[in-house]
Amino acid sequence: MQPYQELLTELKSCADDNYKVFHCKLLKNDNINVLGVRVPNLRKIAKKWAGRIEEVITFPDEFYEVTFLKLTIVSALKYEEFIKYVDGCVALIDNWATCDCFAPKCILKHKEDFLPFIYKYFDVGQEFYQRFALTTLLHFYVESKYLNIIFEMSRRALTEHYYVHMAVAWLIAEVLVKYFDDGIEFLKNSTLDKKTHNKAIQKATESYRLTDKQKNILKGMKK
């Protein structure tokens, strides 16, 4: 059996039609072909195929699950290996779920090294390139030394795209939780559109990590 057919057989054996219907509704993109394999099963299959990355990376991306596996395997690589594949992986992202699962932990020890990649992807200007840049900031860079970069990209983000809008709101909400005063100052002086400004406040006020006093301050800042 050819390797790709071997993988498809394994994926289809784990497929769940009910989960497929559920997940398709979440993805909100009828152009994405979904088999219906749950994430725990996908992660198990990814571990099994991890040593065959050179084969897996060449497989056609005709199913959501195949792309998910590629990104999962690449995200587990050491930084030096990860860098070889990251451009191709980001180019495959066409939905929020695939984007948000692609959070390579190797970046943690190479934040400065990876910053040029974040700028590069952000400046492409396409919806899921920008979302990946923003969610990578969210996962690994919400600390005081990177706040100016976070604020700069949030100001420049193309929030007319829904998934960019949500990523900015999510990112600023996390800043508000960890660096409340800096986040407040940003909201006071930012040029965020009304919906993103208010969504960031909404997400922050839903957090148990803020006090009632802080939440009331934020609620008073809605546009």
N, C-alpha and C. Protein backbone atom coordinates (compact mmCIF):
# COMPACT_ATOMS: atom_id res chain seq x y z
N MET A 1 0.84 -1.20 0.00
CA MET A 1 0.00 0.00 0.00
C MET A 1 0.87 1.25 0.00
N GLN A 2 0.52 2.24 -0.82
CA GLN A 2 1.25 3.49 -0.86
C GLN A 2 1.11 4.22 0.48
N PRO A 3 2.16 4.96 0.92
CA PRO A 3 2.11 5.62 2.23
C PRO A 3 0.89 6.52 2.42
N TYR A 4 0.53 7.29 1.39
CA TYR A 4 -0.61 8.19 1.56
C TYR A 4 -1.90 7.39 1.74
N GLN A 5 -2.06 6.34 0.97
CA GLN A 5 -3.25 5.51 1.10
C GLN A 5 -3.26 4.80 2.47
N GLU A 6 -2.09 4.46 2.94
CA GLU A 6 -1.96 3.86 4.27
C GLU A 6 -2.47 4.82 5.34
N LEU A 7 -2.06 6.09 5.21
CA LEU A 7 -2.51 7.10 6.17
C LEU A 7 -4.02 7.33 6.08
N LEU A 8 -4.53 7.45 4.86
CA LEU A 8 -5.96 7.67 4.68
C LEU A 8 -6.77 6.52 5.28
N THR A 9 -6.31 5.31 5.08
CA THR A 9 -7.00 4.14 5.64
C THR A 9 -7.06 4.24 7.16
N GLU A 10 -5.94 4.65 7.75
CA GLU A 10 -5.89 4.79 9.20
C GLU A 10 -6.82 5.91 9.69
N LEU A 11 -6.82 7.02 8.99
CA LEU A 11 -7.69 8.14 9.36
C LEU A 11 -9.17 7.75 9.24
N LYS A 12 -9.51 7.12 8.14
CA LYS A 12 -10.91 6.76 7.90
C LYS A 12 -11.40 5.74 8.91
N SER A 13 -10.50 4.93 9.42
CA SER A 13 -10.91 3.93 10.42
C SER A 13 -11.30 4.59 11.73
N CYS A 14 -10.85 5.83 11.94
CA CYS A 14 -11.15 6.57 13.17
C CYS A 14 -12.26 7.61 12.97
N ALA A 15 -12.75 7.73 11.76
CA ALA A 15 -13.71 8.80 11.44
C ALA A 15 -15.04 8.59 12.14
N ASP A 16 -15.63 9.69 12.53
CA ASP A 16 -16.92 9.70 13.22
C ASP A 16 -17.83 10.67 12.48
N ASP A 17 -18.89 10.16 11.88
CA ASP A 17 -19.76 11.01 11.06
C ASP A 17 -20.42 12.13 11.86
N ASN A 18 -20.80 11.83 13.08
CA ASN A 18 -21.43 12.87 13.91
C ASN A 18 -20.44 13.99 14.23
N TYR A 19 -19.20 13.59 14.52
CA TYR A 19 -18.18 14.60 14.80
C TYR A 19 -17.86 15.41 13.55
N LYS A 20 -17.89 14.75 12.40
CA LYS A 20 -17.66 15.44 11.13
C LYS A 20 -18.68 16.57 10.93
N VAL A 21 -19.94 16.28 11.15
CA VAL A 21 -20.99 17.29 11.01
C VAL A 21 -20.75 18.45 11.98
N PHE A 22 -20.45 18.10 13.22
CA PHE A 22 -20.20 19.10 14.26
C PHE A 22 -19.01 19.99 13.90
N HIS A 23 -17.92 19.35 13.47
CA HIS A 23 -16.69 20.11 13.20
C HIS A 23 -16.85 20.99 11.95
N CYS A 24 -17.55 20.50 10.96
CA CYS A 24 -17.79 21.29 9.75
C CYS A 24 -18.54 22.57 10.08
N LYS A 25 -19.49 22.48 11.01
CA LYS A 25 -20.23 23.67 11.43
C LYS A 25 -19.31 24.68 12.09
N LEU A 26 -18.36 24.18 12.87
CA LEU A 26 -17.42 25.08 13.54
C LEU A 26 -16.47 25.75 12.55
N LEU A 27 -16.04 25.00 11.54
CA LEU A 27 -15.08 25.54 10.58
C LEU A 27 -15.70 26.61 9.68
N LYS A 28 -16.99 26.48 9.40
CA LYS A 28 -17.73 27.46 8.59
C LYS A 28 -17.07 27.69 7.23
N ASN A 29 -16.61 26.61 6.62
CA ASN A 29 -15.99 26.71 5.30
C ASN A 29 -16.30 25.43 4.53
N ASP A 30 -17.22 25.52 3.61
CA ASP A 30 -17.67 24.34 2.86
C ASP A 30 -16.62 23.81 1.90
N ASN A 31 -15.54 24.56 1.69
CA ASN A 31 -14.48 24.12 0.78
C ASN A 31 -13.49 23.16 1.44
N ILE A 32 -13.62 22.98 2.75
CA ILE A 32 -12.69 22.11 3.48
C ILE A 32 -13.30 20.72 3.60
N ASN A 33 -12.58 19.73 3.14
CA ASN A 33 -13.03 18.34 3.23
C ASN A 33 -12.62 17.75 4.58
N VAL A 34 -13.59 17.31 5.34
CA VAL A 34 -13.35 16.81 6.69
C VAL A 34 -13.75 15.33 6.77
N LEU A 35 -12.88 14.52 7.33
CA LEU A 35 -13.20 13.10 7.52
C LEU A 35 -13.97 12.88 8.82
N GLY A 36 -13.65 13.68 9.83
CA GLY A 36 -14.34 13.55 11.10
C GLY A 36 -13.56 12.79 12.15
N VAL A 37 -12.24 13.00 12.19
CA VAL A 37 -11.40 12.33 13.18
C VAL A 37 -11.18 13.28 14.35
N ARG A 38 -11.45 12.81 15.54
CA ARG A 38 -11.30 13.65 16.73
C ARG A 38 -9.83 13.93 17.03
N VAL A 39 -9.58 15.07 17.69
CA VAL A 39 -8.21 15.53 17.94
C VAL A 39 -7.36 14.51 18.71
N PRO A 40 -7.85 13.87 19.77
CA PRO A 40 -6.99 12.88 20.46
C PRO A 40 -6.49 11.78 19.52
N ASN A 41 -7.36 11.34 18.63
CA ASN A 41 -6.93 10.32 17.66
C ASN A 41 -5.92 10.88 16.67
N LEU A 42 -6.14 12.12 16.24
CA LEU A 42 -5.19 12.76 15.32
C LEU A 42 -3.81 12.88 15.96
N ARG A 43 -3.78 13.22 17.23
CA ARG A 43 -2.49 13.37 17.91
C ARG A 43 -1.78 12.01 18.04
N LYS A 44 -2.53 10.95 18.28
CA LYS A 44 -1.93 9.62 18.34
C LYS A 44 -1.35 9.21 16.99
N ILE A 45 -2.11 9.49 15.93
CA ILE A 45 -1.64 9.16 14.59
C ILE A 45 -0.41 9.99 14.23
N ALA A 46 -0.42 11.26 14.64
CA ALA A 46 0.73 12.14 14.37
C ALA A 46 2.00 11.59 15.01
N LYS A 47 1.90 11.09 16.24
CA LYS A 47 3.07 10.51 16.91
C LYS A 47 3.58 9.29 16.15
N LYS A 48 2.65 8.51 15.63
CA LYS A 48 3.03 7.31 14.89
C LYS A 48 3.78 7.65 13.61
N TRP A 49 3.37 8.75 12.96
CA TRP A 49 3.96 9.13 11.68
C TRP A 49 5.08 10.17 11.81
N ALA A 50 5.40 10.56 13.03
CA ALA A 50 6.36 11.64 13.24
C ALA A 50 7.73 11.37 12.61
N GLY A 51 8.13 10.10 12.62
CA GLY A 51 9.44 9.77 12.05
C GLY A 51 9.45 9.70 10.54
N ARG A 52 8.29 9.97 9.93
CA ARG A 52 8.19 9.90 8.46
C ARG A 52 7.80 11.27 7.88
N ILE A 53 8.31 12.31 8.51
CA ILE A 53 7.94 13.67 8.12
C ILE A 53 8.22 13.96 6.66
N GLU A 54 9.33 13.43 6.12
CA GLU A 54 9.67 13.71 4.73
C GLU A 54 8.62 13.14 3.78
N GLU A 55 7.99 12.04 4.16
CA GLU A 55 6.90 11.48 3.37
C GLU A 55 5.62 12.28 3.59
N VAL A 56 5.29 12.49 4.85
CA VAL A 56 4.01 13.13 5.20
C VAL A 56 3.90 14.52 4.58
N ILE A 57 4.99 15.25 4.56
CA ILE A 57 4.94 16.63 4.08
C ILE A 57 4.60 16.70 2.59
N THR A 58 4.80 15.59 1.87
CA THR A 58 4.51 15.57 0.43
C THR A 58 3.08 15.11 0.12
N PHE A 59 2.35 14.65 1.12
CA PHE A 59 0.99 14.15 0.88
C PHE A 59 0.07 15.29 0.44
N PRO A 60 -0.88 15.03 -0.42
CA PRO A 60 -1.82 16.08 -0.85
C PRO A 60 -2.70 16.53 0.32
N ASP A 61 -3.05 17.81 0.31
CA ASP A 61 -3.86 18.37 1.40
C ASP A 61 -5.33 18.37 1.01
N GLU A 62 -5.83 17.21 0.68
CA GLU A 62 -7.23 17.13 0.25
C GLU A 62 -8.19 16.99 1.43
N PHE A 63 -7.64 16.68 2.61
CA PHE A 63 -8.47 16.55 3.80
C PHE A 63 -7.91 17.40 4.94
N TYR A 64 -8.79 17.97 5.70
CA TYR A 64 -8.42 18.76 6.88
C TYR A 64 -7.46 17.98 7.78
N GLU A 65 -7.76 16.72 7.99
CA GLU A 65 -6.97 15.92 8.91
C GLU A 65 -5.53 15.72 8.45
N VAL A 66 -5.30 15.64 7.16
CA VAL A 66 -3.94 15.47 6.65
C VAL A 66 -3.11 16.72 6.93
N THR A 67 -3.71 17.87 6.67
CA THR A 67 -3.02 19.13 6.98
C THR A 67 -2.76 19.26 8.47
N PHE A 68 -3.76 18.90 9.27
CA PHE A 68 -3.61 18.93 10.73
C PHE A 68 -2.42 18.08 11.16
N LEU A 69 -2.30 16.89 10.59
CA LEU A 69 -1.19 16.01 10.93
C LEU A 69 0.16 16.61 10.56
N LYS A 70 0.23 17.20 9.39
CA LYS A 70 1.49 17.84 8.98
C LYS A 70 1.91 18.89 10.00
N LEU A 71 0.98 19.77 10.35
CA LEU A 71 1.31 20.86 11.27
C LEU A 71 1.61 20.34 12.67
N THR A 72 0.92 19.30 13.08
CA THR A 72 1.18 18.72 14.40
C THR A 72 2.57 18.11 14.46
N ILE A 73 2.95 17.39 13.42
CA ILE A 73 4.28 16.77 13.39
C ILE A 73 5.38 17.83 13.33
N VAL A 74 5.19 18.84 12.48
CA VAL A 74 6.20 19.89 12.36
C VAL A 74 6.32 20.69 13.65
N SER A 75 5.21 20.92 14.32
CA SER A 75 5.25 21.73 15.55
C SER A 75 5.99 21.03 16.68
N ALA A 76 6.19 19.72 16.56
CA ALA A 76 6.90 18.97 17.60
C ALA A 76 8.41 18.88 17.34
N LEU A 77 8.86 19.41 16.22
CA LEU A 77 10.28 19.34 15.86
C LEU A 77 11.11 20.31 16.69
N LYS A 78 12.40 20.05 16.76
CA LYS A 78 13.33 21.02 17.34
C LYS A 78 13.39 22.24 16.42
N TYR A 79 13.75 23.37 16.99
CA TYR A 79 13.64 24.64 16.25
C TYR A 79 14.38 24.60 14.92
N GLU A 80 15.58 24.06 14.90
CA GLU A 80 16.38 24.06 13.67
C GLU A 80 15.69 23.28 12.56
N GLU A 81 14.99 22.22 12.91
CA GLU A 81 14.25 21.44 11.92
C GLU A 81 12.92 22.10 11.59
N PHE A 82 12.25 22.61 12.60
CA PHE A 82 10.97 23.28 12.44
C PHE A 82 11.06 24.42 11.41
N ILE A 83 12.14 25.19 11.48
CA ILE A 83 12.32 26.34 10.59
C ILE A 83 12.33 25.92 9.12
N LYS A 84 12.78 24.71 8.84
CA LYS A 84 12.84 24.25 7.45
C LYS A 84 11.44 24.09 6.84
N TYR A 85 10.46 23.85 7.69
CA TYR A 85 9.12 23.53 7.20
C TYR A 85 8.08 24.63 7.45
N VAL A 86 8.42 25.61 8.30
CA VAL A 86 7.37 26.51 8.79
C VAL A 86 6.71 27.33 7.68
N ASP A 87 7.47 27.80 6.70
CA ASP A 87 6.86 28.60 5.62
C ASP A 87 5.79 27.80 4.89
N GLY A 88 6.14 26.56 4.55
CA GLY A 88 5.19 25.72 3.85
C GLY A 88 3.96 25.41 4.69
N CYS A 89 4.16 25.25 5.99
CA CYS A 89 3.03 24.96 6.88
C CYS A 89 2.08 26.14 7.00
N VAL A 90 2.62 27.32 7.19
CA VAL A 90 1.76 28.51 7.33
C VAL A 90 0.96 28.72 6.05
N ALA A 91 1.56 28.42 4.91
CA ALA A 91 0.86 28.58 3.63
C ALA A 91 -0.34 27.64 3.51
N LEU A 92 -0.36 26.55 4.30
CA LEU A 92 -1.45 25.58 4.24
C LEU A 92 -2.65 26.00 5.08
N ILE A 93 -2.47 26.93 5.99
CA ILE A 93 -3.53 27.28 6.94
C ILE A 93 -4.66 28.03 6.23
N ASP A 94 -5.86 27.49 6.33
CA ASP A 94 -7.02 28.14 5.70
C ASP A 94 -8.26 28.14 6.59
N ASN A 95 -8.04 27.92 7.89
CA ASN A 95 -9.16 27.93 8.83
C ASN A 95 -8.62 28.18 10.24
N TRP A 96 -9.50 28.61 11.13
CA TRP A 96 -9.08 28.97 12.49
C TRP A 96 -8.58 27.77 13.28
N ALA A 97 -9.16 26.60 13.08
CA ALA A 97 -8.80 25.44 13.88
C ALA A 97 -7.38 24.96 13.58
N THR A 98 -7.05 24.88 12.30
CA THR A 98 -5.70 24.49 11.91
C THR A 98 -4.70 25.53 12.39
N CYS A 99 -5.07 26.79 12.26
CA CYS A 99 -4.20 27.88 12.70
C CYS A 99 -3.90 27.78 14.19
N ASP A 100 -4.96 27.63 14.98
CA ASP A 100 -4.79 27.70 16.43
C ASP A 100 -4.10 26.47 17.00
N CYS A 101 -4.15 25.36 16.27
CA CYS A 101 -3.45 24.15 16.75
C CYS A 101 -1.95 24.24 16.47
N PHE A 102 -1.56 25.14 15.57
CA PHE A 102 -0.16 25.22 15.16
C PHE A 102 0.56 26.21 16.07
N ALA A 103 0.97 25.69 17.24
CA ALA A 103 1.65 26.51 18.24
C ALA A 103 2.92 25.79 18.67
N PRO A 104 3.96 25.84 17.83
CA PRO A 104 5.19 25.07 18.08
C PRO A 104 5.92 25.53 19.34
N LYS A 105 6.06 24.63 20.30
CA LYS A 105 6.66 25.00 21.59
C LYS A 105 8.14 25.34 21.47
N CYS A 106 8.77 24.91 20.38
CA CYS A 106 10.19 25.23 20.22
C CYS A 106 10.43 26.73 20.11
N ILE A 107 9.38 27.49 19.76
CA ILE A 107 9.52 28.95 19.67
C ILE A 107 9.84 29.56 21.03
N LEU A 108 9.38 28.91 22.10
CA LEU A 108 9.58 29.45 23.45
C LEU A 108 11.04 29.80 23.74
N LYS A 109 11.94 28.96 23.27
CA LYS A 109 13.37 29.20 23.53
C LYS A 109 14.04 29.96 22.40
N HIS A 110 13.25 30.40 21.43
CA HIS A 110 13.83 31.09 20.27
C HIS A 110 12.95 32.28 19.86
N LYS A 111 12.44 32.99 20.85
CA LYS A 111 11.50 34.08 20.56
C LYS A 111 12.12 35.16 19.68
N GLU A 112 13.32 35.57 20.01
CA GLU A 112 13.97 36.62 19.22
C GLU A 112 14.25 36.13 17.80
N ASP A 113 14.67 34.89 17.68
CA ASP A 113 14.96 34.31 16.36
C ASP A 113 13.70 34.26 15.50
N PHE A 114 12.55 34.02 16.13
CA PHE A 114 11.33 33.82 15.35
C PHE A 114 10.59 35.11 15.05
N LEU A 115 10.95 36.20 15.70
CA LEU A 115 10.24 37.47 15.46
C LEU A 115 10.22 37.88 13.98
N PRO A 116 11.33 37.75 13.24
CA PRO A 116 11.27 38.12 11.81
C PRO A 116 10.24 37.31 11.03
N PHE A 117 10.03 36.07 11.43
CA PHE A 117 9.02 35.24 10.76
C PHE A 117 7.62 35.79 11.06
N ILE A 118 7.41 36.20 12.30
CA ILE A 118 6.10 36.77 12.66
C ILE A 118 5.82 38.00 11.83
N TYR A 119 6.79 38.89 11.72
CA TYR A 119 6.61 40.09 10.89
C TYR A 119 6.36 39.71 9.43
N LYS A 120 7.12 38.74 8.95
CA LYS A 120 6.97 38.32 7.55
C LYS A 120 5.55 37.82 7.28
N TYR A 121 5.05 36.96 8.13
CA TYR A 121 3.70 36.41 7.91
C TYR A 121 2.64 37.49 8.08
N PHE A 122 2.82 38.34 9.07
CA PHE A 122 1.85 39.41 9.29
C PHE A 122 1.76 40.32 8.07
N ASP A 123 2.91 40.63 7.49
CA ASP A 123 2.95 41.57 6.37
C ASP A 123 2.44 40.99 5.06
N VAL A 124 2.23 39.68 5.00
CA VAL A 124 1.59 39.10 3.82
C VAL A 124 0.21 39.71 3.63
N GLY A 125 -0.46 39.97 4.77
CA GLY A 125 -1.73 40.67 4.72
C GLY A 125 -2.94 39.79 4.49
N GLN A 126 -2.73 38.49 4.34
CA GLN A 126 -3.87 37.58 4.16
C GLN A 126 -4.40 37.15 5.52
N GLU A 127 -5.69 36.78 5.54
CA GLU A 127 -6.37 36.55 6.81
C GLU A 127 -5.66 35.56 7.72
N PHE A 128 -5.33 34.39 7.20
CA PHE A 128 -4.79 33.38 8.11
C PHE A 128 -3.29 33.50 8.32
N TYR A 129 -2.58 34.20 7.44
CA TYR A 129 -1.20 34.57 7.73
C TYR A 129 -1.20 35.51 8.93
N GLN A 130 -2.08 36.51 8.90
CA GLN A 130 -2.11 37.45 10.02
C GLN A 130 -2.60 36.77 11.30
N ARG A 131 -3.59 35.92 11.17
CA ARG A 131 -4.06 35.24 12.39
C ARG A 131 -2.94 34.41 12.99
N PHE A 132 -2.17 33.71 12.17
CA PHE A 132 -1.07 32.91 12.72
C PHE A 132 -0.06 33.81 13.43
N ALA A 133 0.29 34.93 12.82
CA ALA A 133 1.22 35.85 13.47
C ALA A 133 0.69 36.31 14.83
N LEU A 134 -0.58 36.65 14.87
CA LEU A 134 -1.19 37.16 16.10
C LEU A 134 -1.35 36.08 17.16
N THR A 135 -1.74 34.88 16.75
CA THR A 135 -1.90 33.81 17.74
C THR A 135 -0.54 33.34 18.25
N THR A 136 0.49 33.46 17.43
CA THR A 136 1.84 33.12 17.91
C THR A 136 2.28 34.12 18.97
N LEU A 137 1.98 35.39 18.75
CA LEU A 137 2.24 36.40 19.79
C LEU A 137 1.47 36.04 21.06
N LEU A 138 0.23 35.65 20.89
CA LEU A 138 -0.60 35.29 22.04
C LEU A 138 -0.02 34.11 22.82
N HIS A 139 0.40 33.08 22.09
CA HIS A 139 0.90 31.87 22.75
C HIS A 139 2.23 32.09 23.47
N PHE A 140 3.11 32.92 22.89
CA PHE A 140 4.49 32.94 23.37
C PHE A 140 5.07 34.31 23.74
N TYR A 141 4.40 35.40 23.41
CA TYR A 141 5.06 36.70 23.53
C TYR A 141 4.34 37.69 24.43
N VAL A 142 3.35 37.27 25.18
CA VAL A 142 2.66 38.23 26.05
C VAL A 142 3.48 38.43 27.32
N GLU A 143 4.50 39.26 27.18
CA GLU A 143 5.34 39.68 28.29
C GLU A 143 5.77 41.11 28.02
N SER A 144 6.24 41.79 29.04
CA SER A 144 6.44 43.24 28.96
C SER A 144 7.35 43.66 27.81
N LYS A 145 8.39 42.90 27.53
CA LYS A 145 9.35 43.32 26.51
C LYS A 145 8.78 43.28 25.09
N TYR A 146 7.66 42.57 24.91
CA TYR A 146 7.09 42.47 23.57
C TYR A 146 5.77 43.24 23.42
N LEU A 147 5.38 43.99 24.43
CA LEU A 147 4.10 44.68 24.36
C LEU A 147 4.03 45.67 23.20
N ASN A 148 5.12 46.37 22.94
CA ASN A 148 5.09 47.34 21.84
C ASN A 148 4.86 46.65 20.49
N ILE A 149 5.43 45.48 20.33
CA ILE A 149 5.22 44.72 19.09
C ILE A 149 3.76 44.27 19.01
N ILE A 150 3.23 43.78 20.11
CA ILE A 150 1.83 43.36 20.15
C ILE A 150 0.91 44.52 19.81
N PHE A 151 1.16 45.66 20.40
CA PHE A 151 0.30 46.83 20.15
C PHE A 151 0.44 47.32 18.70
N GLU A 152 1.66 47.30 18.19
CA GLU A 152 1.88 47.72 16.81
C GLU A 152 1.10 46.84 15.83
N MET A 153 1.21 45.53 16.01
CA MET A 153 0.53 44.62 15.09
C MET A 153 -0.98 44.68 15.26
N SER A 154 -1.43 44.89 16.48
CA SER A 154 -2.87 45.01 16.71
C SER A 154 -3.43 46.24 16.01
N ARG A 155 -2.67 47.32 16.01
CA ARG A 155 -3.12 48.54 15.32
C ARG A 155 -3.17 48.34 13.81
N ARG A 156 -2.20 47.60 13.29
CA ARG A 156 -2.07 47.43 11.84
C ARG A 156 -2.90 46.27 11.28
N ALA A 157 -3.42 45.44 12.15
CA ALA A 157 -4.11 44.23 11.71
C ALA A 157 -5.34 44.55 10.86
N LEU A 158 -5.60 43.69 9.90
CA LEU A 158 -6.74 43.87 9.00
C LEU A 158 -7.99 43.26 9.63
N THR A 159 -8.55 44.00 10.59
CA THR A 159 -9.64 43.45 11.40
C THR A 159 -10.98 43.41 10.67
N GLU A 160 -11.00 43.84 9.42
CA GLU A 160 -12.21 43.62 8.63
C GLU A 160 -12.38 42.12 8.33
N HIS A 161 -11.27 41.37 8.43
CA HIS A 161 -11.34 39.92 8.33
C HIS A 161 -11.74 39.36 9.69
N TYR A 162 -12.78 38.56 9.73
CA TYR A 162 -13.34 38.10 11.00
C TYR A 162 -12.31 37.41 11.89
N TYR A 163 -11.51 36.51 11.31
CA TYR A 163 -10.60 35.74 12.14
C TYR A 163 -9.37 36.53 12.57
N VAL A 164 -9.08 37.61 11.89
CA VAL A 164 -8.06 38.55 12.36
C VAL A 164 -8.64 39.38 13.50
N HIS A 165 -9.85 39.88 13.29
CA HIS A 165 -10.57 40.63 14.33
C HIS A 165 -10.60 39.86 15.64
N MET A 166 -10.96 38.58 15.58
CA MET A 166 -11.05 37.78 16.79
C MET A 166 -9.68 37.54 17.42
N ALA A 167 -8.66 37.37 16.58
CA ALA A 167 -7.31 37.14 17.11
C ALA A 167 -6.80 38.38 17.84
N VAL A 168 -7.05 39.56 17.29
CA VAL A 168 -6.63 40.79 17.96
C VAL A 168 -7.35 40.94 19.29
N ALA A 169 -8.66 40.69 19.29
CA ALA A 169 -9.44 40.81 20.53
C ALA A 169 -8.92 39.85 21.59
N TRP A 170 -8.65 38.64 21.19
CA TRP A 170 -8.13 37.60 22.07
C TRP A 170 -6.76 38.01 22.63
N LEU A 171 -5.91 38.55 21.76
CA LEU A 171 -4.56 38.96 22.15
C LEU A 171 -4.60 40.12 23.13
N ILE A 172 -5.38 41.14 22.83
CA ILE A 172 -5.45 42.31 23.72
C ILE A 172 -6.10 41.94 25.05
N ALA A 173 -7.07 41.03 25.01
CA ALA A 173 -7.68 40.57 26.26
C ALA A 173 -6.64 39.91 27.16
N GLU A 174 -5.73 39.14 26.56
CA GLU A 174 -4.68 38.49 27.34
C GLU A 174 -3.71 39.52 27.91
N VAL A 175 -3.41 40.55 27.12
CA VAL A 175 -2.58 41.64 27.64
C VAL A 175 -3.25 42.30 28.84
N LEU A 176 -4.54 42.55 28.73
CA LEU A 176 -5.28 43.18 29.84
C LEU A 176 -5.23 42.33 31.10
N VAL A 177 -5.27 41.03 30.94
CA VAL A 177 -5.22 40.13 32.09
C VAL A 177 -3.84 40.16 32.74
N LYS A 178 -2.79 40.21 31.93
CA LYS A 178 -1.43 40.12 32.47
C LYS A 178 -0.80 41.48 32.75
N TYR A 179 -1.17 42.48 31.95
CA TYR A 179 -0.58 43.82 32.09
C TYR A 179 -1.71 44.84 31.97
N PHE A 180 -2.54 44.87 33.00
CA PHE A 180 -3.79 45.62 32.94
C PHE A 180 -3.56 47.10 32.60
N ASP A 181 -2.65 47.76 33.28
CA ASP A 181 -2.44 49.19 33.05
C ASP A 181 -1.97 49.47 31.62
N ASP A 182 -1.06 48.65 31.13
CA ASP A 182 -0.58 48.83 29.75
C ASP A 182 -1.71 48.59 28.76
N GLY A 183 -2.52 47.58 29.03
CA GLY A 183 -3.65 47.30 28.15
C GLY A 183 -4.67 48.41 28.15
N ILE A 184 -4.94 48.98 29.31
CA ILE A 184 -5.88 50.11 29.41
C ILE A 184 -5.36 51.29 28.62
N GLU A 185 -4.07 51.57 28.76
CA GLU A 185 -3.47 52.71 28.04
C GLU A 185 -3.58 52.50 26.53
N PHE A 186 -3.35 51.26 26.10
CA PHE A 186 -3.48 50.97 24.67
C PHE A 186 -4.91 51.21 24.20
N LEU A 187 -5.88 50.73 24.94
CA LEU A 187 -7.28 50.91 24.52
C LEU A 187 -7.67 52.39 24.48
N LYS A 188 -7.13 53.16 25.40
CA LYS A 188 -7.45 54.60 25.43
C LYS A 188 -6.93 55.31 24.19
N ASN A 189 -5.78 54.88 23.71
CA ASN A 189 -5.11 55.61 22.64
C ASN A 189 -5.09 54.88 21.29
N SER A 190 -5.69 53.71 21.24
CA SER A 190 -5.58 52.92 20.01
C SER A 190 -6.60 53.37 18.97
N THR A 191 -6.35 52.90 17.77
CA THR A 191 -7.29 53.17 16.67
C THR A 191 -8.03 51.89 16.28
N LEU A 192 -8.16 50.97 17.22
CA LEU A 192 -8.92 49.75 16.94
C LEU A 192 -10.35 50.12 16.54
N ASP A 193 -10.88 49.38 15.58
CA ASP A 193 -12.27 49.61 15.23
C ASP A 193 -13.17 49.25 16.42
N LYS A 194 -14.38 49.77 16.40
CA LYS A 194 -15.30 49.61 17.53
C LYS A 194 -15.54 48.16 17.89
N LYS A 195 -15.78 47.31 16.89
CA LYS A 195 -16.14 45.91 17.21
C LYS A 195 -14.97 45.17 17.84
N THR A 196 -13.73 45.45 17.40
CA THR A 196 -12.57 44.76 17.96
C THR A 196 -12.26 45.30 19.36
N HIS A 197 -12.36 46.60 19.52
CA HIS A 197 -12.19 47.24 20.83
C HIS A 197 -13.14 46.61 21.85
N ASN A 198 -14.40 46.53 21.49
CA ASN A 198 -15.41 46.00 22.42
C ASN A 198 -15.27 44.50 22.64
N LYS A 199 -14.86 43.78 21.59
CA LYS A 199 -14.67 42.33 21.74
C LYS A 199 -13.50 42.04 22.68
N ALA A 200 -12.44 42.83 22.61
CA ALA A 200 -11.31 42.65 23.53
C ALA A 200 -11.76 42.86 24.97
N ILE A 201 -12.56 43.88 25.18
CA ILE A 201 -13.09 44.15 26.53
C ILE A 201 -13.98 43.00 26.99
N GLN A 202 -14.83 42.54 26.10
CA GLN A 202 -15.72 41.43 26.45
C GLN A 202 -14.93 40.20 26.87
N LYS A 203 -13.91 39.86 26.08
CA LYS A 203 -13.12 38.67 26.38
C LYS A 203 -12.37 38.83 27.70
N ALA A 204 -11.85 40.03 27.94
CA ALA A 204 -11.11 40.26 29.18
C ALA A 204 -12.04 40.18 30.39
N THR A 205 -13.24 40.74 30.27
CA THR A 205 -14.15 40.73 31.42
C THR A 205 -14.74 39.34 31.69
N GLU A 206 -14.59 38.45 30.74
CA GLU A 206 -15.03 37.06 30.96
C GLU A 206 -13.99 36.25 31.74
N SER A 207 -12.81 36.83 31.93
CA SER A 207 -11.72 36.11 32.59
C SER A 207 -11.87 36.17 34.12
N TYR A 208 -11.64 35.05 34.76
CA TYR A 208 -11.65 35.01 36.23
C TYR A 208 -10.39 35.63 36.81
N ARG A 209 -9.42 35.96 35.95
CA ARG A 209 -8.14 36.49 36.43
C ARG A 209 -8.15 38.00 36.67
N LEU A 210 -9.24 38.66 36.32
CA LEU A 210 -9.38 40.08 36.61
C LEU A 210 -10.32 40.28 37.80
N THR A 211 -10.09 41.35 38.55
CA THR A 211 -10.97 41.67 39.68
C THR A 211 -12.25 42.33 39.18
N ASP A 212 -13.24 42.38 40.04
CA ASP A 212 -14.49 43.06 39.68
C ASP A 212 -14.24 44.53 39.40
N LYS A 213 -13.33 45.14 40.16
CA LYS A 213 -13.01 46.55 39.94
C LYS A 213 -12.42 46.76 38.55
N GLN A 214 -11.49 45.88 38.16
CA GLN A 214 -10.89 45.98 36.83
C GLN A 214 -11.93 45.77 35.72
N LYS A 215 -12.81 44.81 35.93
CA LYS A 215 -13.85 44.56 34.94
C LYS A 215 -14.79 45.75 34.78
N ASN A 216 -15.09 46.40 35.89
CA ASN A 216 -15.97 47.58 35.80
C ASN A 216 -15.29 48.72 35.07
N ILE A 217 -13.99 48.87 35.26
CA ILE A 217 -13.24 49.89 34.51
C ILE A 217 -13.33 49.62 33.02
N LEU A 218 -13.12 48.37 32.66
CA LEU A 218 -13.18 47.99 31.25
C LEU A 218 -14.56 48.19 30.66
N LYS A 219 -15.58 47.80 31.39
CA LYS A 219 -16.95 47.96 30.88
C LYS A 219 -17.27 49.43 30.62
N GLY A 220 -16.68 50.30 31.41
CA GLY A 220 -16.89 51.73 31.22
C GLY A 220 -16.14 52.29 30.01
N MET A 221 -15.29 51.47 29.39
CA MET A 221 -14.52 51.92 28.24
C MET A 221 -15.10 51.45 26.91
N LYS A 222 -16.23 50.75 26.96
CA LYS A 222 -16.82 50.29 25.70
C LYS A 222 -17.26 51.46 24.84
N LYS A 223 -17.15 51.26 23.54
CA LYS A 223 -17.53 52.30 22.60
C LYS A 223 -18.99 52.13 22.17
